Amino acid sequence: MCVKVCFHLKMIHSESFQMTSIVLFMFLPYLTLCNMANYGTVPKGLNPTLYSTDDLVIQLDENTFNDTIFCSGNDCSSYLVEFYSDWCGHCRSFAPLYKELANDVRGWQDVVKIAAINCADNVNFNTCRENGVDFVPLIKYFPRNSTDAFSGSKLRPYHSLAEMRDQLTKVVMDDYSVNRFNDWPTFDYLRDIVTWSELWDGSAESAQHLAVVFENHQASLTGAQVS
């Protein structure tokens, strides 16, 4: 859960002194809960959506977009977001594949989550404008701990599950190479080793099994996708 600590400035007149017009300033903290969307969240708006609460696609709206995507902290993930319009033929055609992608990478949810927002709904106008949505469907990857709309990078809405998965894998690996998150899988290749025991170097102490993936070339994404 996201919690914001805010401060309220209050003036209190003091009658305990002989002097008049003495004012004490007190900072009174109060908490406001963030509007974060999750699986099963029903977005606000009047238009129909291309996704349902049963899909593994987090549905965003004007009130939940910023607090969800621009989350900060170790419990936050990166996000792949589709900006779409419910009346758009290309968006309707792309939606089944996007659902399939979300299901295919459901095991990656600690690293990246799949989300969407309906730009045809007037309630989401400002969010879509701020994200530079001039065509739909528009796909953007927001790295973990993104801070604003400019943090997102545009991806291509391929009509192939394999191409979408590979594209997502590459940007996640780029995110890791820059930030080296300790709680993400390690996408580094093995260094030269001398003994079998060295294979366990860097693995969690609780790990009981080890799988070694042999790849023909360094551009292969198989190892990263099964991490």
C-alpha atoms as a PDB file:
ATOM      1  CA  MET A   1       0.000   0.000   0.000  1.00  0.00           C
ATOM      2  CA  CYS A   2       1.255   3.460  -0.876  1.00  0.00           C
ATOM      3  CA  VAL A   3       1.131   6.085   1.868  1.00  0.00           C
ATOM      4  CA  LYS A   4       1.894   9.762   1.473  1.00  0.00           C
ATOM      5  CA  VAL A   5       2.893  11.871   4.451  1.00  0.00           C
ATOM      6  CA  CYS A   6       1.557  15.389   4.147  1.00  0.00           C
ATOM      7  CA  PHE A   7       1.750  18.389   6.443  1.00  0.00           C
ATOM      8  CA  HIS A   8      -0.975  20.794   7.425  1.00  0.00           C
ATOM      9  CA  LEU A   9      -0.038  24.242   8.721  1.00  0.00           C
ATOM     10  CA  LYS A  10      -2.265  25.356  11.579  1.00  0.00           C
ATOM     11  CA  MET A  11      -2.224  28.572  13.597  1.00  0.00           C
ATOM     12  CA  ILE A  12      -3.083  28.374  17.293  1.00  0.00           C
ATOM     13  CA  HIS A  13      -3.645  31.428  19.458  1.00  0.00           C
ATOM     14  CA  SER A  14      -1.970  31.100  22.841  1.00  0.00           C
ATOM     15  CA  GLU A  15      -3.744  32.478  25.908  1.00  0.00           C
ATOM     16  CA  SER A  16      -1.088  31.257  28.336  1.00  0.00           C
ATOM     17  CA  PHE A  17       1.013  34.355  27.847  1.00  0.00           C
ATOM     18  CA  GLN A  18       0.334  37.960  28.925  1.00  0.00           C
ATOM     19  CA  MET A  19       1.359  39.191  25.515  1.00  0.00           C
ATOM     20  CA  THR A  20      -1.325  39.343  22.900  1.00  0.00           C
ATOM     21  CA  SER A  21      -1.200  38.279  19.265  1.00  0.00           C
ATOM     22  CA  ILE A  22       1.182  35.397  19.939  1.00  0.00           C
ATOM     23  CA  VAL A  23       0.685  32.722  17.340  1.00  0.00           C
ATOM     24  CA  LEU A  24       2.184  29.254  17.429  1.00  0.00           C
ATOM     25  CA  PHE A  25       2.728  27.371  14.187  1.00  0.00           C
ATOM     26  CA  MET A  26       2.353  23.632  14.353  1.00  0.00           C
ATOM     27  CA  PHE A  27       2.924  21.081  11.625  1.00  0.00           C
ATOM     28  CA  LEU A  28       0.318  18.384  12.028  1.00  0.00           C
ATOM     29  CA  PRO A  29       1.059  15.274   9.966  1.00  0.00           C
ATOM     30  CA  TYR A  30      -1.731  13.337   8.369  1.00  0.00           C
ATOM     31  CA  LEU A  31      -1.799  10.437   5.985  1.00  0.00           C
ATOM     32  CA  THR A  32      -3.453  10.098   2.598  1.00  0.00           C
ATOM     33  CA  LEU A  33      -3.733   6.745   0.899  1.00  0.00           C
ATOM     34  CA  CYS A  34      -2.642   6.496  -2.716  1.00  0.00           C
ATOM     35  CA  ASN A  35      -5.054   5.439  -5.433  1.00  0.00           C
ATOM     36  CA  MET A  36      -3.228   2.390  -6.755  1.00  0.00           C
ATOM     37  CA  ALA A  37      -4.863  -0.009  -9.193  1.00  0.00           C
ATOM     38  CA  ASN A  38      -4.298  -3.747  -9.112  1.00  0.00           C
ATOM     39  CA  TYR A  39      -5.657  -6.888 -10.694  1.00  0.00           C
ATOM     40  CA  GLY A  40      -9.437  -6.790 -10.487  1.00  0.00           C
ATOM     41  CA  THR A  41      -9.655  -3.003 -10.162  1.00  0.00           C
ATOM     42  CA  VAL A  42     -12.643  -1.534 -12.012  1.00  0.00           C
ATOM     43  CA  PRO A  43     -11.591   1.713 -13.738  1.00  0.00           C
ATOM     44  CA  LYS A  44     -13.714   4.841 -13.538  1.00  0.00           C
ATOM     45  CA  GLY A  45     -15.380   6.087 -16.695  1.00  0.00           C
ATOM     46  CA  LEU A  46     -18.451   5.761 -18.874  1.00  0.00           C
ATOM     47  CA  ASN A  47     -17.018   3.993 -21.916  1.00  0.00           C
ATOM     48  CA  PRO A  48     -16.833   0.204 -22.231  1.00  0.00           C
ATOM     49  CA  THR A  49     -13.354  -1.282 -21.777  1.00  0.00           C
ATOM     50  CA  LEU A  50     -11.558  -3.927 -23.810  1.00  0.00           C
ATOM     51  CA  TYR A  51     -10.468  -5.769 -20.665  1.00  0.00           C
ATOM     52  CA  SER A  52     -12.289  -7.269 -17.704  1.00  0.00           C
ATOM     53  CA  THR A  53     -11.491  -7.869 -14.048  1.00  0.00           C
ATOM     54  CA  ASP A  54     -10.790 -11.508 -14.924  1.00  0.00           C
ATOM     55  CA  ASP A  55      -7.877 -10.585 -17.198  1.00  0.00           C
ATOM     56  CA  LEU A  56      -4.302 -10.295 -15.964  1.00  0.00           C
ATOM     57  CA  VAL A  57      -4.293  -6.714 -17.255  1.00  0.00           C
ATOM     58  CA  ILE A  58      -4.432  -3.964 -14.622  1.00  0.00           C
ATOM     59  CA  GLN A  59      -7.008  -1.390 -15.723  1.00  0.00           C
ATOM     60  CA  LEU A  60      -5.982   2.202 -15.033  1.00  0.00           C
ATOM     61  CA  ASP A  61      -7.828   5.510 -15.050  1.00  0.00           C
ATOM     62  CA  GLU A  62      -7.112   9.196 -14.383  1.00  0.00           C
ATOM     63  CA  ASN A  63      -7.208   8.681 -10.610  1.00  0.00           C
ATOM     64  CA  THR A  64      -4.997   5.594 -10.412  1.00  0.00           C
ATOM     65  CA  PHE A  65      -2.465   6.057 -13.219  1.00  0.00           C
ATOM     66  CA  ASN A  66       0.139   8.210 -11.465  1.00  0.00           C
ATOM     67  CA  ASP A  67       0.079   6.439  -8.104  1.00  0.00           C
ATOM     68  CA  THR A  68       0.321   3.047  -9.807  1.00  0.00           C
ATOM     69  CA  ILE A  69       2.885   3.674 -12.538  1.00  0.00           C
ATOM     70  CA  PHE A  70       5.001   6.227 -10.658  1.00  0.00           C
ATOM     71  CA  CYS A  71       5.237   4.068  -7.570  1.00  0.00           C
ATOM     72  CA  SER A  72       8.497   4.259  -5.625  1.00  0.00           C
ATOM     73  CA  GLY A  73       9.929   1.651  -3.297  1.00  0.00           C
ATOM     74  CA  ASN A  74      11.107  -1.937  -3.191  1.00  0.00           C
ATOM     75  CA  ASP A  75       7.557  -3.272  -3.507  1.00  0.00           C
ATOM     76  CA  CYS A  76       7.060  -1.573  -6.882  1.00  0.00           C
ATOM     77  CA  SER A  77       7.500  -3.163 -10.297  1.00  0.00           C
ATOM     78  CA  SER A  78       7.978  -1.842 -13.795  1.00  0.00           C
ATOM     79  CA  TYR A  79       4.907  -1.556 -16.044  1.00  0.00           C
ATOM     80  CA  LEU A  80       3.967  -2.197 -19.635  1.00  0.00           C
ATOM     81  CA  VAL A  81       0.994   0.047 -20.444  1.00  0.00           C
ATOM     82  CA  GLU A  82      -1.295   0.012 -23.458  1.00  0.00           C
ATOM     83  CA  PHE A  83      -3.062   3.278 -24.283  1.00  0.00           C
ATOM     84  CA  TYR A  84      -6.106   2.371 -26.362  1.00  0.00           C
ATOM     85  CA  SER A  85      -9.545   3.539 -27.479  1.00  0.00           C
ATOM     86  CA  ASP A  86     -12.459   1.170 -27.095  1.00  0.00           C
ATOM     87  CA  TRP A  87     -13.901   2.137 -30.505  1.00  0.00           C
ATOM     88  CA  CYS A  88     -10.589   1.586 -32.342  1.00  0.00           C
ATOM     89  CA  GLY A  89     -10.578  -1.421 -34.675  1.00  0.00           C
ATOM     90  CA  HIS A  90      -6.817  -1.965 -34.338  1.00  0.00           C
ATOM     91  CA  CYS A  91      -7.139  -1.839 -30.546  1.00  0.00           C
ATOM     92  CA  ARG A  92      -9.922  -4.405 -30.568  1.00  0.00           C
ATOM     93  CA  SER A  93      -7.816  -6.628 -32.795  1.00  0.00           C
ATOM     94  CA  PHE A  94      -4.781  -6.228 -30.533  1.00  0.00           C
ATOM     95  CA  ALA A  95      -6.619  -6.820 -27.232  1.00  0.00           C
ATOM     96  CA  PRO A  96      -6.717 -10.669 -27.413  1.00  0.00           C
ATOM     97  CA  LEU A  97      -2.958 -10.795 -27.999  1.00  0.00           C
ATOM     98  CA  TYR A  98      -2.334  -8.339 -25.151  1.00  0.00           C
ATOM     99  CA  LYS A  99      -4.366 -10.566 -22.839  1.00  0.00           C
ATOM    100  CA  GLU A 100      -2.349 -13.543 -24.069  1.00  0.00           C
ATOM    101  CA  LEU A 101       0.889 -11.684 -23.332  1.00  0.00           C
ATOM    102  CA  ALA A 102      -0.302 -10.861 -19.812  1.00  0.00           C
ATOM    103  CA  ASN A 103      -1.079 -14.520 -19.215  1.00  0.00           C
ATOM    104  CA  ASP A 104       2.207 -15.649 -20.772  1.00  0.00           C
ATOM    105  CA  VAL A 105       4.334 -13.442 -18.482  1.00  0.00           C
ATOM    106  CA  ARG A 106       2.179 -13.825 -15.362  1.00  0.00           C
ATOM    107  CA  GLY A 107       5.188 -15.311 -13.580  1.00  0.00           C
ATOM    108  CA  TRP A 108       7.064 -12.027 -14.075  1.00  0.00           C
ATOM    109  CA  GLN A 109       4.668  -9.932 -11.975  1.00  0.00           C
ATOM    110  CA  ASP A 110       7.284  -9.081  -9.340  1.00  0.00           C
ATOM    111  CA  VAL A 111       9.369  -7.532 -12.125  1.00  0.00           C
ATOM    112  CA  VAL A 112       6.845  -6.188 -14.639  1.00  0.00           C
ATOM    113  CA  LYS A 113       3.068  -5.909 -14.702  1.00  0.00           C
ATOM    114  CA  ILE A 114       0.795  -5.504 -17.710  1.00  0.00           C
ATOM    115  CA  ALA A 115      -1.673  -2.592 -17.652  1.00  0.00           C
ATOM    116  CA  ALA A 116      -3.984  -0.594 -19.922  1.00  0.00           C
ATOM    117  CA  ILE A 117      -5.966   2.657 -19.997  1.00  0.00           C
ATOM    118  CA  ASN A 118      -8.882   3.672 -22.240  1.00  0.00           C
ATOM    119  CA  CYS A 119      -8.074   7.013 -23.875  1.00  0.00           C
ATOM    120  CA  ALA A 120     -11.516   7.204 -25.485  1.00  0.00           C
ATOM    121  CA  ASP A 121     -13.024   7.913 -22.084  1.00  0.00           C
ATOM    122  CA  ASN A 122     -13.065  11.633 -21.297  1.00  0.00           C
ATOM    123  CA  VAL A 123     -12.090  10.971 -17.690  1.00  0.00           C
ATOM    124  CA  ASN A 124      -8.648   9.856 -18.927  1.00  0.00           C
ATOM    125  CA  PHE A 125      -8.060  12.757 -21.323  1.00  0.00           C
ATOM    126  CA  ASN A 126      -5.323  14.496 -19.306  1.00  0.00           C
ATOM    127  CA  THR A 127      -3.353  11.316 -18.632  1.00  0.00           C
ATOM    128  CA  CYS A 128      -3.354  10.307 -22.292  1.00  0.00           C
ATOM    129  CA  ARG A 129      -2.370  13.816 -23.393  1.00  0.00           C
ATOM    130  CA  GLU A 130       0.504  13.953 -20.894  1.00  0.00           C
ATOM    131  CA  ASN A 131       1.774  10.635 -22.256  1.00  0.00           C
ATOM    132  CA  GLY A 132       1.822  11.928 -25.816  1.00  0.00           C
ATOM    133  CA  VAL A 133      -0.841   9.585 -27.129  1.00  0.00           C
ATOM    134  CA  ASP A 134      -1.390  10.677 -30.735  1.00  0.00           C
ATOM    135  CA  PHE A 135      -2.266   7.215 -32.053  1.00  0.00           C
ATOM    136  CA  VAL A 136      -3.652   3.996 -30.617  1.00  0.00           C
ATOM    137  CA  PRO A 137      -2.827   1.410 -29.606  1.00  0.00           C
ATOM    138  CA  LEU A 138       0.278   2.970 -28.054  1.00  0.00           C
ATOM    139  CA  ILE A 139       2.520   0.762 -25.915  1.00  0.00           C
ATOM    140  CA  LYS A 140       4.904   2.255 -23.344  1.00  0.00           C
ATOM    141  CA  TYR A 141       7.313   0.601 -20.934  1.00  0.00           C
ATOM    142  CA  PHE A 142       7.785   2.419 -17.630  1.00  0.00           C
ATOM    143  CA  PRO A 143      10.922   1.347 -15.737  1.00  0.00           C
ATOM    144  CA  ARG A 144      10.679   0.573 -12.059  1.00  0.00           C
ATOM    145  CA  ASN A 145      10.390   3.725  -9.924  1.00  0.00           C
ATOM    146  CA  SER A 146       9.491   5.942 -12.893  1.00  0.00           C
ATOM    147  CA  THR A 147       8.680   9.505 -11.897  1.00  0.00           C
ATOM    148  CA  ASP A 148       6.789  11.004 -14.841  1.00  0.00           C
ATOM    149  CA  ALA A 149       5.378  10.377 -18.303  1.00  0.00           C
ATOM    150  CA  PHE A 150       8.756  11.080 -19.894  1.00  0.00           C
ATOM    151  CA  SER A 151      10.193   8.039 -18.118  1.00  0.00           C
ATOM    152  CA  GLY A 152       8.254   5.733 -20.426  1.00  0.00           C
ATOM    153  CA  SER A 153       9.644   4.442 -23.711  1.00  0.00           C
ATOM    154  CA  LYS A 154       7.428   3.597 -26.677  1.00  0.00           C
ATOM    155  CA  LEU A 155       7.335   0.013 -27.932  1.00  0.00           C
ATOM    156  CA  ARG A 156       5.775  -1.525 -31.012  1.00  0.00           C
ATOM    157  CA  PRO A 157       2.361  -3.239 -30.818  1.00  0.00           C
ATOM    158  CA  TYR A 158       3.434  -6.418 -32.601  1.00  0.00           C
ATOM    159  CA  HIS A 159       0.701  -8.868 -33.564  1.00  0.00           C
ATOM    160  CA  SER A 160       2.916 -11.761 -32.503  1.00  0.00           C
ATOM    161  CA  LEU A 161       3.174 -13.093 -28.965  1.00  0.00           C
ATOM    162  CA  ALA A 162       6.814 -14.084 -29.432  1.00  0.00           C
ATOM    163  CA  GLU A 163       7.777 -10.627 -30.713  1.00  0.00           C
ATOM    164  CA  MET A 164       5.913  -8.873 -27.901  1.00  0.00           C
ATOM    165  CA  ARG A 165       7.524 -11.127 -25.296  1.00  0.00           C
ATOM    166  CA  ASP A 166      11.017 -10.644 -26.750  1.00  0.00           C
ATOM    167  CA  GLN A 167      10.542  -6.868 -26.949  1.00  0.00           C
ATOM    168  CA  LEU A 168       9.419  -6.770 -23.318  1.00  0.00           C
ATOM    169  CA  THR A 169      12.333  -8.976 -22.256  1.00  0.00           C
ATOM    170  CA  LYS A 170      14.847  -6.614 -23.847  1.00  0.00           C
ATOM    171  CA  VAL A 171      13.559  -3.478 -22.103  1.00  0.00           C
ATOM    172  CA  VAL A 172      13.366  -5.298 -18.756  1.00  0.00           C
ATOM    173  CA  MET A 173      16.979  -6.420 -19.199  1.00  0.00           C
ATOM    174  CA  ASP A 174      17.982  -2.841 -20.074  1.00  0.00           C
ATOM    175  CA  ASP A 175      16.202  -1.645 -16.926  1.00  0.00           C
ATOM    176  CA  TYR A 176      18.145  -4.177 -14.860  1.00  0.00           C
ATOM    177  CA  SER A 177      21.494  -3.342 -16.470  1.00  0.00           C
ATOM    178  CA  VAL A 178      21.074   0.304 -15.428  1.00  0.00           C
ATOM    179  CA  ASN A 179      19.621  -0.142 -11.935  1.00  0.00           C
ATOM    180  CA  ARG A 180      20.834  -3.607 -10.813  1.00  0.00           C
ATOM    181  CA  PHE A 181      17.843  -4.261  -8.553  1.00  0.00           C
ATOM    182  CA  ASN A 182      18.782  -6.759  -5.844  1.00  0.00           C
ATOM    183  CA  ASP A 183      15.345  -8.376  -5.807  1.00  0.00           C
ATOM    184  CA  TRP A 184      15.198  -8.953  -9.581  1.00  0.00           C
ATOM    185  CA  PRO A 185      16.601 -12.024 -11.342  1.00  0.00           C
ATOM    186  CA  THR A 186      20.216 -11.664 -12.407  1.00  0.00           C
ATOM    187  CA  PHE A 187      20.437 -11.483 -16.188  1.00  0.00           C
ATOM    188  CA  ASP A 188      24.237 -11.668 -16.342  1.00  0.00           C
ATOM    189  CA  TYR A 189      25.997 -14.468 -18.189  1.00  0.00           C
ATOM    190  CA  LEU A 190      28.138 -16.860 -16.188  1.00  0.00           C
ATOM    191  CA  ARG A 191      31.789 -15.952 -15.911  1.00  0.00           C
ATOM    192  CA  ASP A 192      34.494 -18.537 -16.479  1.00  0.00           C
ATOM    193  CA  ILE A 193      34.384 -21.078 -13.667  1.00  0.00           C
ATOM    194  CA  VAL A 194      36.744 -23.767 -12.432  1.00  0.00           C
ATOM    195  CA  THR A 195      34.578 -25.784 -10.044  1.00  0.00           C
ATOM    196  CA  TRP A 196      30.897 -26.779 -10.083  1.00  0.00           C
ATOM    197  CA  SER A 197      30.357 -25.092  -6.731  1.00  0.00           C
ATOM    198  CA  GLU A 198      31.068 -21.711  -8.338  1.00  0.00           C
ATOM    199  CA  LEU A 199      27.777 -22.028 -10.204  1.00  0.00           C
ATOM    200  CA  TRP A 200      26.050 -21.192  -6.927  1.00  0.00           C
ATOM    201  CA  ASP A 201      27.920 -17.912  -6.461  1.00  0.00           C
ATOM    202  CA  GLY A 202      25.441 -15.065  -6.119  1.00  0.00           C
ATOM    203  CA  SER A 203      22.395 -17.293  -5.665  1.00  0.00           C
ATOM    204  CA  ALA A 204      20.048 -16.949  -2.698  1.00  0.00           C
ATOM    205  CA  GLU A 205      20.929 -18.978   0.379  1.00  0.00           C
ATOM    206  CA  SER A 206      17.460 -20.534   0.299  1.00  0.00           C
ATOM    207  CA  ALA A 207      17.936 -21.868  -3.258  1.00  0.00           C
ATOM    208  CA  GLN A 208      17.823 -25.660  -3.411  1.00  0.00           C
ATOM    209  CA  HIS A 209      17.949 -26.222  -7.158  1.00  0.00           C
ATOM    210  CA  LEU A 210      20.062 -24.799  -9.963  1.00  0.00           C
ATOM    211  CA  ALA A 211      19.330 -24.818 -13.686  1.00  0.00           C
ATOM    212  CA  VAL A 212      21.953 -23.933 -16.281  1.00  0.00           C
ATOM    213  CA  VAL A 213      20.726 -22.677 -19.661  1.00  0.00           C
ATOM    214  CA  PHE A 214      23.122 -23.151 -22.575  1.00  0.00           C
ATOM    215  CA  GLU A 215      22.577 -20.662 -25.400  1.00  0.00           C
ATOM    216  CA  ASN A 216      24.105 -20.652 -28.863  1.00  0.00           C
ATOM    217  CA  HIS A 217      24.652 -16.910 -29.040  1.00  0.00           C
ATOM    218  CA  GLN A 218      24.656 -13.954 -26.674  1.00  0.00           C
ATOM    219  CA  ALA A 219      21.622 -12.355 -28.294  1.00  0.00           C
ATOM    220  CA  SER A 220      19.412 -15.240 -27.184  1.00  0.00           C
ATOM    221  CA  LEU A 221      16.682 -14.291 -24.690  1.00  0.00           C
ATOM    222  CA  THR A 222      15.793 -17.800 -23.510  1.00  0.00           C
ATOM    223  CA  GLY A 223      17.797 -17.631 -20.301  1.00  0.00           C
ATOM    224  CA  ALA A 224      16.292 -14.292 -19.308  1.00  0.00           C
ATOM    225  CA  GLN A 225      12.746 -15.433 -20.031  1.00  0.00           C
ATOM    226  CA  VAL A 226      13.008 -18.491 -17.786  1.00  0.00           C
ATOM    227  CA  SER A 227      14.745 -16.635 -14.947  1.00  0.00           C
END
